[in-house]
């Protein structure tokens, strides 16, 4: 039997805790230690798991002391590239929460370093392991071309959640941080080259770093004529009306996620962000009288995984990639591509110009 993969968890917030739960639960992983600048967050994570593991406040110190097989990076985006490069240089596989880096150049450097080190780098695109979202992508891909892809995730946040959002906005806007998930989904649906990006945005509070904005909407055009928009806003002022839209239209009809309705869950409920209990499929076919030839269909998923369940699926995929020596080149290319699109949107907002992608 193969020896367990010893994982050092860096970042003890919500995502770090969910992934640490997975490492404790999955046969094949062993939690080697936890890293966080704050002692309270480290202790809370270990108490949540009911285990005692080495604790560190400094990543380099933890890496040298534990000598793990893998590192799970769940920190703020401004540390992603540097921590990943350190881990790879130490001979570790890496699970990295999105986005892969703050710039496209950094992202390419990180992917190249993983290839050179012959280590696995898996980026946390949680919707990729979601069975309902996989079906959503599959159905949307079959609706013909071009596609019209409409998605948003606005979050009315306060207290600790607003503090987390404010910390994230030290380095990137909501349409960048969250947008990589949904732009990645759009790219999987159309599998066409993105050619043009534009964006609008607004700074709805002065409680932000200079030049940062907490609401944005991007628009992306693909070479096959498909178009998509994504909207994201964070803060105590955000509306909870129509905060969750996931809808794709093509020549043959449309498919929508209808699992979250107004009032069912708060917009800052992380379990609601990936919830997709029902898909509604509409067929555009008309009969001889001009009426719809087929009724709309509903596709249900009884045992949809919650957030921790999705994190466990991500870590099973990470373990499989290590054990099977999977080629992750396409995964890295997709992560870089989605980052490139959202960063172009950020550039468009700041310059007031449409960005043409070479």
Protein backbone atom coordinates (compact mmCIF):
# COMPACT_ATOMS: atom_id res chain seq x y z
CA UNK A 1 0.00 0.00 0.00
CA UNK A 2 1.33 3.45 -0.93
CA UNK A 3 2.51 5.69 1.88
CA UNK A 4 0.13 8.56 2.69
CA UNK A 5 0.77 11.95 1.12
CA UNK A 6 1.77 14.26 3.97
CA UNK A 7 0.17 17.69 3.42
CA UNK A 8 1.07 21.02 5.00
CA UNK A 9 -1.99 23.31 5.08
CA UNK A 10 -1.20 27.01 4.67
CA UNK A 11 -4.03 29.37 5.58
CA UNK A 12 -6.52 28.40 8.27
CA UNK A 13 -9.62 30.30 7.18
CA UNK A 14 -12.76 28.87 5.64
CA UNK A 15 -11.11 27.19 2.64
CA UNK A 16 -8.10 25.95 4.61
CA UNK A 17 -10.40 24.38 7.18
CA UNK A 18 -12.53 22.65 4.54
CA UNK A 19 -9.49 21.23 2.79
CA UNK A 20 -7.92 20.15 6.10
CA UNK A 21 -11.12 18.24 6.87
CA UNK A 22 -10.70 16.43 3.56
CA UNK A 23 -7.07 15.52 4.27
CA UNK A 24 -8.09 14.06 7.63
CA UNK A 25 -10.98 12.11 6.12
CA UNK A 26 -9.42 10.73 2.93
CA UNK A 27 -7.36 7.57 3.17
CA UNK A 28 -4.14 8.45 1.38
CA UNK A 29 -3.52 11.83 2.98
CA UNK A 30 -1.93 12.77 6.29
CA UNK A 31 -2.07 16.28 7.77
CA UNK A 32 1.55 17.27 8.45
CA UNK A 33 0.88 20.66 10.05
CA UNK A 34 -0.88 23.98 9.69
CA UNK A 35 0.39 27.48 8.97
CA UNK A 36 -1.27 30.80 9.74
CA UNK A 37 -0.04 34.14 10.99
CA UNK A 38 -2.68 34.11 13.72
CA UNK A 39 -2.40 31.56 16.51
CA UNK A 40 -6.14 31.69 17.16
CA UNK A 41 -7.03 30.60 13.61
CA UNK A 42 -4.53 27.72 13.73
CA UNK A 43 -5.88 26.50 17.03
CA UNK A 44 -9.50 26.84 15.89
CA UNK A 45 -8.82 24.71 12.81
CA UNK A 46 -7.18 21.93 14.84
CA UNK A 47 -9.96 22.03 17.44
CA UNK A 48 -12.52 21.76 14.63
CA UNK A 49 -10.75 18.64 13.41
CA UNK A 50 -10.16 17.28 16.90
CA UNK A 51 -6.47 16.63 16.22
CA UNK A 52 -3.09 17.86 17.40
CA UNK A 53 -0.62 18.79 14.67
CA UNK A 54 2.44 21.05 14.48
CA UNK A 55 1.57 24.74 14.16
CA UNK A 56 3.59 27.48 12.50
CA UNK A 57 3.30 31.20 11.87
CA UNK A 58 5.88 31.26 9.06
CA UNK A 59 5.59 29.26 5.83
CA UNK A 60 9.33 28.82 5.17
CA UNK A 61 9.88 27.58 8.73
CA UNK A 62 6.98 25.12 8.42
CA UNK A 63 8.21 23.84 5.08
CA UNK A 64 11.68 23.12 6.47
CA UNK A 65 10.41 21.60 9.72
CA UNK A 66 7.71 19.28 8.34
CA UNK A 67 9.25 18.38 4.95
CA UNK A 68 5.82 17.52 3.49
CA UNK A 69 5.03 15.69 0.29
CA UNK A 70 2.45 18.31 -0.65
CA UNK A 71 1.38 21.81 0.31
CA UNK A 72 -2.19 23.13 0.33
CA UNK A 73 -2.18 26.92 -0.20
CA UNK A 74 -5.34 28.66 1.01
CA UNK A 75 -4.03 32.16 1.62
CA UNK A 76 -4.84 35.55 0.12
CA UNK A 77 -4.01 35.84 -3.61
CA UNK A 78 -0.98 38.07 -3.16
CA UNK A 79 0.97 35.11 -1.70
CA UNK A 80 -0.13 32.42 -4.16
CA UNK A 81 2.70 32.59 -6.67
CA UNK A 82 5.52 33.03 -4.13
CA UNK A 83 4.31 30.23 -1.84
CA UNK A 84 3.77 27.86 -4.76
CA UNK A 85 7.26 28.48 -6.12
CA UNK A 86 8.72 27.85 -2.63
CA UNK A 87 6.79 24.61 -2.28
CA UNK A 88 7.78 23.35 -5.72
CA UNK A 89 11.43 24.21 -5.04
CA UNK A 90 11.18 22.11 -1.88
CA UNK A 91 9.99 19.12 -3.94
CA UNK A 92 6.31 19.31 -3.00
CA UNK A 93 3.13 18.79 -4.97
CA UNK A 94 0.78 21.77 -4.61
CA UNK A 95 -2.93 22.28 -4.24
CA UNK A 96 -3.50 26.00 -4.82
CA UNK A 97 -6.69 27.92 -4.24
CA UNK A 98 -7.67 30.15 -7.15
CA UNK A 99 -6.50 32.40 -8.67
CA UNK A 100 -3.17 30.87 -9.65
CA UNK A 101 -1.42 34.27 -9.32
CA UNK A 102 -1.94 38.03 -9.45
CA UNK A 103 -0.63 38.42 -13.01
CA UNK A 104 -0.56 36.31 -16.16
CA UNK A 105 3.24 36.43 -16.16
CA UNK A 106 3.35 35.03 -12.61
CA UNK A 107 0.82 32.35 -13.53
CA UNK A 108 2.93 31.20 -16.46
CA UNK A 109 6.02 31.13 -14.24
CA UNK A 110 4.21 28.98 -11.67
CA UNK A 111 2.95 26.51 -14.30
CA UNK A 112 6.42 26.27 -15.85
CA UNK A 113 7.96 25.65 -12.43
CA UNK A 114 5.55 22.77 -11.79
CA UNK A 115 6.49 21.18 -15.11
CA UNK A 116 10.21 21.64 -14.45
CA UNK A 117 9.91 20.15 -10.96
CA UNK A 118 7.77 17.26 -12.27
CA UNK A 119 5.30 17.91 -9.48
CA UNK A 120 1.52 18.13 -9.57
CA UNK A 121 -0.10 21.56 -9.34
CA UNK A 122 -3.89 21.51 -8.97
CA UNK A 123 -5.73 24.83 -8.85
CA UNK A 124 -8.93 24.99 -6.81
CA UNK A 125 -11.59 25.40 -9.48
CA UNK A 126 -14.26 23.87 -7.29
CA UNK A 127 -17.02 23.93 -9.93
CA UNK A 128 -14.98 21.50 -12.05
CA UNK A 129 -15.61 18.68 -9.56
CA UNK A 130 -19.29 19.54 -9.01
CA UNK A 131 -21.45 16.85 -10.67
CA UNK A 132 -24.35 19.24 -11.30
CA UNK A 133 -22.16 21.93 -12.79
CA UNK A 134 -20.50 19.31 -14.98
CA UNK A 135 -23.95 18.43 -16.34
CA UNK A 136 -24.74 22.14 -16.75
CA UNK A 137 -21.60 22.57 -18.89
CA UNK A 138 -22.39 19.43 -20.88
CA UNK A 139 -25.94 20.53 -21.71
CA UNK A 140 -24.88 24.12 -22.51
CA UNK A 141 -22.17 22.82 -24.85
CA UNK A 142 -24.85 21.05 -26.89
CA UNK A 143 -27.11 24.07 -27.44
CA UNK A 144 -25.36 25.08 -30.67
CA UNK A 145 -23.32 28.19 -31.40
CA UNK A 146 -23.11 30.99 -30.57
CA UNK A 147 -23.84 30.80 -26.86
CA UNK A 148 -25.04 33.63 -24.63
CA UNK A 149 -23.73 32.96 -21.11
CA UNK A 150 -25.10 35.02 -18.21
CA UNK A 151 -23.75 34.57 -14.70
CA UNK A 152 -23.37 36.50 -11.47
CA UNK A 153 -22.59 36.05 -7.78
CA UNK A 154 -23.23 39.12 -5.65
CA UNK A 155 -22.62 38.86 -1.92
CA UNK A 156 -24.21 41.07 0.72
CA UNK A 157 -21.57 40.82 3.42
CA UNK A 158 -21.10 42.16 6.94
CA UNK A 159 -19.01 41.39 10.01
CA UNK A 160 -16.22 38.83 9.47
CA UNK A 161 -17.33 38.16 5.88
CA UNK A 162 -17.02 41.85 4.95
CA UNK A 163 -13.63 41.91 6.65
CA UNK A 164 -12.54 38.95 4.49
CA UNK A 165 -13.80 40.70 1.37
CA UNK A 166 -11.94 43.88 2.31
CA UNK A 167 -8.76 41.87 2.79
CA UNK A 168 -9.21 40.22 -0.62
CA UNK A 169 -9.63 43.64 -2.19
CA UNK A 170 -6.18 44.61 -1.00
CA UNK A 171 -4.99 42.80 -4.12
CA UNK A 172 -7.93 42.21 -6.49
CA UNK A 173 -11.52 43.13 -7.25
CA UNK A 174 -14.56 40.81 -6.98
CA UNK A 175 -14.75 40.29 -10.76
CA UNK A 176 -11.15 39.04 -10.70
CA UNK A 177 -11.23 36.93 -7.54
CA UNK A 178 -14.60 35.24 -8.16
CA UNK A 179 -14.69 35.73 -11.90
CA UNK A 180 -12.06 33.10 -12.69
CA UNK A 181 -14.52 30.36 -11.66
CA UNK A 182 -17.30 31.48 -13.98
CA UNK A 183 -15.11 32.56 -16.88
CA UNK A 184 -13.53 29.10 -16.67
CA UNK A 185 -17.02 27.59 -16.97
CA UNK A 186 -17.74 29.79 -20.01
CA UNK A 187 -14.51 28.69 -21.67
CA UNK A 188 -15.41 25.03 -21.07
CA UNK A 189 -18.87 25.57 -22.57
CA UNK A 190 -17.75 27.24 -25.78
CA UNK A 191 -14.19 25.88 -26.13
CA UNK A 192 -13.51 28.86 -28.36
CA UNK A 193 -10.77 31.47 -28.17
CA UNK A 194 -11.65 34.62 -26.19
CA UNK A 195 -10.94 37.65 -28.35
CA UNK A 196 -12.33 40.74 -26.61
CA UNK A 197 -13.10 41.85 -23.03
CA UNK A 198 -14.77 44.95 -21.62
CA UNK A 199 -16.00 45.87 -18.16
CA UNK A 200 -17.84 48.39 -16.01
CA UNK A 201 -17.53 48.85 -12.27
CA UNK A 202 -18.26 51.08 -9.30
CA UNK A 203 -16.67 51.95 -5.96
CA UNK A 204 -19.64 51.83 -3.59
CA UNK A 205 -17.74 52.65 -0.40
CA UNK A 206 -14.62 54.53 0.64
CA UNK A 207 -13.74 51.64 2.96
CA UNK A 208 -11.43 50.21 0.28
CA UNK A 209 -7.82 50.61 -0.86
CA UNK A 210 -7.24 53.53 -3.24
CA UNK A 211 -8.36 52.70 -6.77
CA UNK A 212 -10.21 49.53 -5.77
CA UNK A 213 -13.87 48.90 -6.61
CA UNK A 214 -16.29 46.45 -5.00
CA UNK A 215 -18.77 46.02 -7.87
CA UNK A 216 -17.97 45.01 -11.44
CA UNK A 217 -19.37 43.39 -14.54
CA UNK A 218 -17.27 41.94 -17.35
CA UNK A 219 -18.28 41.09 -20.91
CA UNK A 220 -16.26 38.62 -23.00
CA UNK A 221 -16.58 37.82 -26.71
CA UNK A 222 -15.33 34.54 -28.21
CA UNK A 223 -14.10 33.76 -31.72
CA UNK A 224 -17.17 31.58 -32.46
CA UNK A 225 -19.50 34.51 -31.76
CA UNK A 226 -20.37 33.40 -28.23
CA UNK A 227 -20.64 36.10 -25.58
CA UNK A 228 -20.75 36.03 -21.81
CA UNK A 229 -21.15 38.39 -18.90
CA UNK A 230 -20.27 37.98 -15.27
CA UNK A 231 -21.23 40.30 -12.42
CA UNK A 232 -19.87 40.36 -8.87
CA UNK A 233 -20.25 42.75 -5.97
CA UNK A 234 -19.24 42.53 -2.30
CA UNK A 235 -20.29 44.54 0.71
CA UNK A 236 -23.03 45.54 3.15
CA UNK A 237 -24.81 47.60 0.48
CA UNK A 238 -25.28 44.78 -2.07
CA UNK A 239 -28.77 43.68 -3.04
CA UNK A 240 -29.98 40.13 -2.47
CA UNK A 241 -32.38 40.36 -5.40
CA UNK A 242 -31.22 38.27 -8.38
CA UNK A 243 -27.81 37.73 -6.82
CA UNK A 244 -27.50 34.20 -8.26
CA UNK A 245 -27.93 33.95 -12.04
CA UNK A 246 -26.53 31.02 -14.02
CA UNK A 247 -28.12 30.88 -17.46
CA UNK A 248 -26.98 29.86 -20.95
CA UNK A 249 -28.86 30.44 -24.23
CA UNK A 250 -28.05 28.87 -27.60
CA UNK A 251 -29.83 28.38 -30.95
CA UNK A 252 -31.35 25.11 -29.70
CA UNK A 253 -32.69 26.45 -26.40
CA UNK A 254 -31.42 27.34 -22.96
CA UNK A 255 -30.41 25.80 -19.65
CA UNK A 256 -30.49 27.48 -16.25
CA UNK A 257 -29.50 26.65 -12.72
CA UNK A 258 -32.57 27.23 -10.58
CA UNK A 259 -31.43 25.66 -7.33
CA UNK A 260 -31.21 28.93 -5.39
CA UNK A 261 -34.22 31.22 -5.25
CA UNK A 262 -34.57 34.55 -3.50
CA UNK A 263 -35.00 34.06 0.23
CA UNK A 264 -33.74 30.46 0.27
CA UNK A 265 -30.20 31.38 1.30
CA UNK A 266 -28.23 34.52 2.11
CA UNK A 267 -25.90 35.71 -0.64
CA UNK A 268 -22.87 35.31 1.64
CA UNK A 269 -23.73 31.64 2.37
CA UNK A 270 -20.79 29.78 0.81
CA UNK A 271 -22.85 26.59 0.41
CA UNK A 272 -25.25 28.53 -1.83
CA UNK A 273 -22.46 29.70 -4.15
CA UNK A 274 -22.17 26.31 -5.85
CA UNK A 275 -25.68 25.04 -5.13
CA UNK A 276 -27.42 23.70 -8.21
CA UNK A 277 -30.26 21.50 -7.06
CA UNK A 278 -32.23 21.83 -10.30
CA UNK A 279 -31.42 22.48 -13.94
CA UNK A 280 -34.20 23.80 -16.18
CA UNK A 281 -33.81 22.85 -19.85
CA UNK A 282 -35.84 24.66 -22.49
CA UNK A 283 -36.00 23.42 -26.09
CA UNK A 284 -36.39 25.95 -28.92
CA UNK A 285 -37.97 23.45 -31.37
CA UNK A 286 -41.33 24.53 -32.83
CA UNK A 287 -44.00 22.29 -34.32
CA UNK A 288 -45.99 22.83 -37.52
CA UNK A 289 -48.33 25.26 -35.77
CA UNK A 290 -45.46 27.39 -34.44
CA UNK A 291 -45.94 26.22 -30.86
CA UNK A 292 -43.15 24.66 -28.82
CA UNK A 293 -42.67 21.03 -29.81
CA UNK A 294 -41.40 19.93 -26.41
CA UNK A 295 -42.10 20.94 -22.85
CA UNK A 296 -39.39 22.32 -20.62
CA UNK A 297 -37.53 19.67 -18.67
CA UNK A 298 -36.26 19.63 -15.10
CA UNK A 299 -33.12 17.76 -14.08
CA UNK A 300 -32.74 17.14 -10.36
CA UNK A 301 -29.79 16.03 -8.26
CA UNK A 302 -30.84 14.46 -4.98
CA UNK A 303 -27.45 14.01 -3.34
CA UNK A 304 -25.71 17.22 -4.30
CA UNK A 305 -22.50 17.67 -2.26
CA UNK A 306 -22.19 20.61 0.14
CA UNK A 307 -19.13 22.86 0.26
CA UNK A 308 -17.06 20.45 2.37
CA UNK A 309 -18.14 17.60 0.11
CA UNK A 310 -16.92 19.52 -2.93
CA UNK A 311 -13.59 20.24 -1.23
CA UNK A 312 -13.26 16.51 -0.56
CA UNK A 313 -13.86 15.82 -4.27
CA UNK A 314 -11.14 18.35 -5.12
CA UNK A 315 -8.68 16.62 -2.81
CA UNK A 316 -9.55 13.18 -4.19
CA UNK A 317 -8.73 14.58 -7.63
CA UNK A 318 -5.46 15.98 -6.24
CA UNK A 319 -4.54 12.60 -4.76
CA UNK A 320 -5.40 10.82 -8.01
CA UNK A 321 -3.27 13.26 -10.00
CA UNK A 322 -0.31 12.45 -7.74
CA UNK A 323 -0.86 8.68 -7.71
CA UNK A 324 -1.56 8.36 -11.44
CA UNK A 325 0.97 10.97 -12.55
CA UNK A 326 -1.73 12.82 -14.51
CA UNK A 327 -0.76 15.33 -17.18
CA UNK A 328 -2.19 18.63 -15.92
CA UNK A 329 -1.00 20.84 -18.80
CA UNK A 330 -4.52 21.59 -20.04
CA UNK A 331 -5.65 22.35 -16.48
CA UNK A 332 -2.83 24.90 -16.13
CA UNK A 333 -3.56 26.42 -19.54
CA UNK A 334 -7.24 26.84 -18.61
CA UNK A 335 -6.33 28.48 -15.28
CA UNK A 336 -4.03 30.93 -17.04
CA UNK A 337 -6.65 31.64 -19.70
CA UNK A 338 -9.41 32.45 -17.20
CA UNK A 339 -7.03 34.69 -15.23
CA UNK A 340 -6.06 36.46 -18.44
CA UNK A 341 -9.72 37.24 -19.18
CA UNK A 342 -10.59 38.63 -15.74
CA UNK A 343 -7.41 40.70 -15.59
CA UNK A 344 -8.28 42.11 -19.01
CA UNK A 345 -11.67 43.04 -17.56
CA UNK A 346 -9.94 44.81 -14.68
CA UNK A 347 -7.78 46.68 -17.20
CA UNK A 348 -10.87 47.61 -19.20
CA UNK A 349 -12.58 49.08 -16.14
CA UNK A 350 -9.52 51.09 -15.15
CA UNK A 351 -8.82 52.43 -18.64
CA UNK A 352 -12.38 52.75 -19.92
CA UNK A 353 -11.41 50.84 -23.06
CA UNK A 354 -12.22 47.44 -24.54
CA UNK A 355 -9.24 45.08 -24.35
CA UNK A 356 -8.41 43.05 -27.45
CA UNK A 357 -6.83 39.69 -26.61
CA UNK A 358 -4.03 38.65 -28.92
